[in-house]
Amino acid sequence: MDKSFKRDIILENYQNPVNKGLIDDDTYILVNTNNESCIDEINLMVKVKDNKIVDARFDGEACAICTSSTSIMIKTIIGKTLEEAIEIYNNFNKMLNEENYNEKILEEAIAYDDIYKQPNRKKCALLPWWGFEKVVNKIKEES
């Protein structure tokens, strides 16, 4: 993917993030995740119905990489089953760790394919996904 196209995807999702703002609805699973080495702190709400992610929202204070990664993650996981979303997360994580991954399932998240070159930014890109992992763990605990 062209570097300027990647930059455009990241910038668009930073300036106009999807589903930013929390709502008062106890049918969502709410988690908080933060990066100890910077200001990034995200509250993530995910609604799962019949094993399918039907909605996700977020709020918090975060840098451009973290905010855009959260927006992209939300767009990517909505409409997916939990298993599909977990597979996407696993492949995103592999990509950031320079392991073999399936780029076809990452959608816009592929824009971060060279973030590993900036190790301090990896946490920024991974933070929302760690929040998603917390959601999955809560669902498993409740089962």
Protein backbone atom coordinates (compact mmCIF):
# COMPACT_ATOMS: atom_id res chain seq x y z
CA MET A 1 0.00 0.00 0.00
CA ASP A 2 1.26 3.46 -0.92
CA LYS A 3 2.68 5.45 2.03
CA SER A 4 0.59 8.53 1.30
CA PHE A 5 -2.56 6.39 1.11
CA LYS A 6 -1.70 4.86 4.51
CA ARG A 7 -1.15 8.33 5.92
CA ASP A 8 -4.52 9.45 4.52
CA ILE A 9 -6.30 6.49 6.16
CA ILE A 10 -4.67 7.20 9.51
CA LEU A 11 -5.33 10.95 9.31
CA GLU A 12 -8.96 10.50 8.27
CA ASN A 13 -9.63 8.13 11.16
CA TYR A 14 -7.89 10.49 13.59
CA GLN A 15 -9.74 13.60 12.45
CA ASN A 16 -13.12 11.88 11.98
CA PRO A 17 -13.13 8.80 14.21
CA VAL A 18 -16.17 6.55 13.98
CA ASN A 19 -18.39 5.96 17.00
CA LYS A 20 -16.52 8.33 19.28
CA GLY A 21 -18.49 9.02 22.42
CA LEU A 22 -19.85 6.65 25.02
CA ILE A 23 -23.53 6.01 25.61
CA ASP A 24 -25.47 4.96 28.68
CA ASP A 25 -26.43 1.40 27.83
CA ASP A 26 -25.71 -1.55 30.09
CA THR A 27 -26.03 -4.06 27.23
CA TYR A 28 -22.49 -3.05 26.18
CA ILE A 29 -19.34 -4.39 27.77
CA LEU A 30 -17.22 -1.47 28.96
CA VAL A 31 -13.46 -1.71 29.47
CA ASN A 32 -10.64 0.75 30.04
CA THR A 33 -7.14 0.41 28.72
CA ASN A 34 -4.22 2.77 28.96
CA ASN A 35 -0.60 3.09 27.95
CA GLU A 36 1.63 3.73 30.97
CA SER A 37 4.31 5.36 28.83
CA CYS A 38 2.12 8.14 27.39
CA ILE A 39 -1.28 9.85 27.69
CA ASP A 40 -3.26 7.24 25.75
CA GLU A 41 -6.31 6.06 27.66
CA ILE A 42 -9.31 4.54 25.92
CA ASN A 43 -12.71 3.53 27.24
CA LEU A 44 -14.16 0.97 24.86
CA MET A 45 -17.78 -0.22 24.73
CA VAL A 46 -18.67 -3.30 22.70
CA LYS A 47 -22.12 -4.79 22.18
CA VAL A 48 -22.27 -8.47 21.29
CA LYS A 49 -25.51 -10.19 20.37
CA ASP A 50 -25.73 -13.85 19.33
CA ASN A 51 -21.92 -14.07 19.13
CA LYS A 52 -21.79 -11.13 16.69
CA ILE A 53 -20.35 -7.67 17.35
CA VAL A 54 -23.25 -5.36 16.61
CA ASP A 55 -21.73 -2.10 17.84
CA ALA A 56 -18.64 -0.60 19.42
CA ARG A 57 -17.89 2.88 20.73
CA PHE A 58 -15.00 4.62 22.42
CA ASP A 59 -13.86 7.74 24.18
CA GLY A 60 -10.75 8.94 25.89
CA GLU A 61 -7.58 10.89 25.39
CA ALA A 62 -5.15 9.48 22.87
CA CYS A 63 -2.58 10.36 20.25
CA ALA A 64 -3.27 10.28 16.51
CA ILE A 65 -2.04 6.69 16.10
CA CYS A 66 -4.11 5.36 19.00
CA THR A 67 -7.26 7.30 18.04
CA SER A 68 -7.06 6.26 14.39
CA SER A 69 -6.28 2.65 15.31
CA THR A 70 -9.35 2.60 17.59
CA SER A 71 -11.57 4.00 14.84
CA ILE A 72 -10.23 1.50 12.30
CA MET A 73 -10.60 -1.38 14.76
CA ILE A 74 -14.22 -0.47 15.42
CA LYS A 75 -15.03 -0.29 11.70
CA THR A 76 -13.28 -3.62 11.20
CA ILE A 77 -14.92 -5.62 14.00
CA ILE A 78 -18.54 -4.42 13.74
CA GLY A 79 -20.57 -7.08 11.97
CA LYS A 80 -18.01 -9.81 12.64
CA THR A 81 -18.47 -12.82 14.87
CA LEU A 82 -16.28 -12.92 17.95
CA GLU A 83 -14.14 -15.61 16.33
CA GLU A 84 -13.64 -13.51 13.18
CA ALA A 85 -12.73 -10.43 15.24
CA ILE A 86 -10.28 -12.45 17.35
CA GLU A 87 -8.65 -13.74 14.15
CA ILE A 88 -8.31 -10.16 12.90
CA TYR A 89 -6.78 -9.11 16.23
CA ASN A 90 -4.33 -12.01 16.15
CA ASN A 91 -3.24 -11.12 12.60
CA PHE A 92 -2.93 -7.42 13.46
CA ASN A 93 -0.74 -8.35 16.41
CA LYS A 94 1.38 -10.64 14.21
CA MET A 95 1.79 -7.84 11.67
CA LEU A 96 3.04 -5.43 14.32
CA ASN A 97 5.45 -8.07 15.58
CA GLU A 98 6.83 -8.79 12.10
CA GLU A 99 5.39 -12.31 11.98
CA ASN A 100 3.52 -13.94 9.10
CA TYR A 101 -0.07 -12.68 8.92
CA ASN A 102 -3.10 -12.66 6.63
CA GLU A 103 -3.26 -9.12 5.27
CA LYS A 104 -6.54 -9.82 3.42
CA ILE A 105 -8.59 -9.80 6.62
CA LEU A 106 -7.12 -6.63 8.13
CA GLU A 107 -9.03 -4.14 5.95
CA GLU A 108 -7.87 -0.56 6.76
CA ALA A 109 -5.75 -1.83 9.68
CA ILE A 110 -3.15 -2.78 7.07
CA ALA A 111 -2.21 0.92 7.15
CA TYR A 112 -0.08 0.08 10.21
CA ASP A 113 2.00 -2.56 8.44
CA ASP A 114 5.24 -0.66 8.97
CA ILE A 115 4.59 0.75 12.45
CA TYR A 116 7.04 -1.83 13.82
CA LYS A 117 9.76 0.51 12.55
CA GLN A 118 8.74 2.85 15.38
CA PRO A 119 8.62 0.54 18.42
CA ASN A 120 7.30 3.26 20.72
CA ARG A 121 4.24 3.64 18.43
CA LYS A 122 3.35 -0.07 18.44
CA LYS A 123 1.69 0.28 21.84
CA CYS A 124 -0.34 3.21 20.51
CA ALA A 125 -1.67 1.12 17.62
CA LEU A 126 -2.26 -1.96 19.81
CA LEU A 127 -3.99 -0.24 22.74
CA PRO A 128 -7.57 -0.45 21.41
CA TRP A 129 -7.00 -4.08 20.42
CA TRP A 130 -5.87 -4.83 23.98
CA GLY A 131 -9.18 -3.31 25.06
CA PHE A 132 -10.98 -5.64 22.68
CA GLU A 133 -9.06 -8.55 24.20
CA LYS A 134 -10.36 -7.47 27.63
CA VAL A 135 -13.91 -7.52 26.23
CA VAL A 136 -13.38 -11.05 24.91
CA ASN A 137 -12.03 -12.15 28.29
CA LYS A 138 -15.08 -10.68 30.07
CA ILE A 139 -17.38 -12.57 27.72
CA LYS A 140 -15.48 -15.81 28.42
CA GLU A 141 -15.72 -15.20 32.18
CA GLU A 142 -19.48 -14.70 31.95
CA SER A 143 -19.99 -17.88 29.91
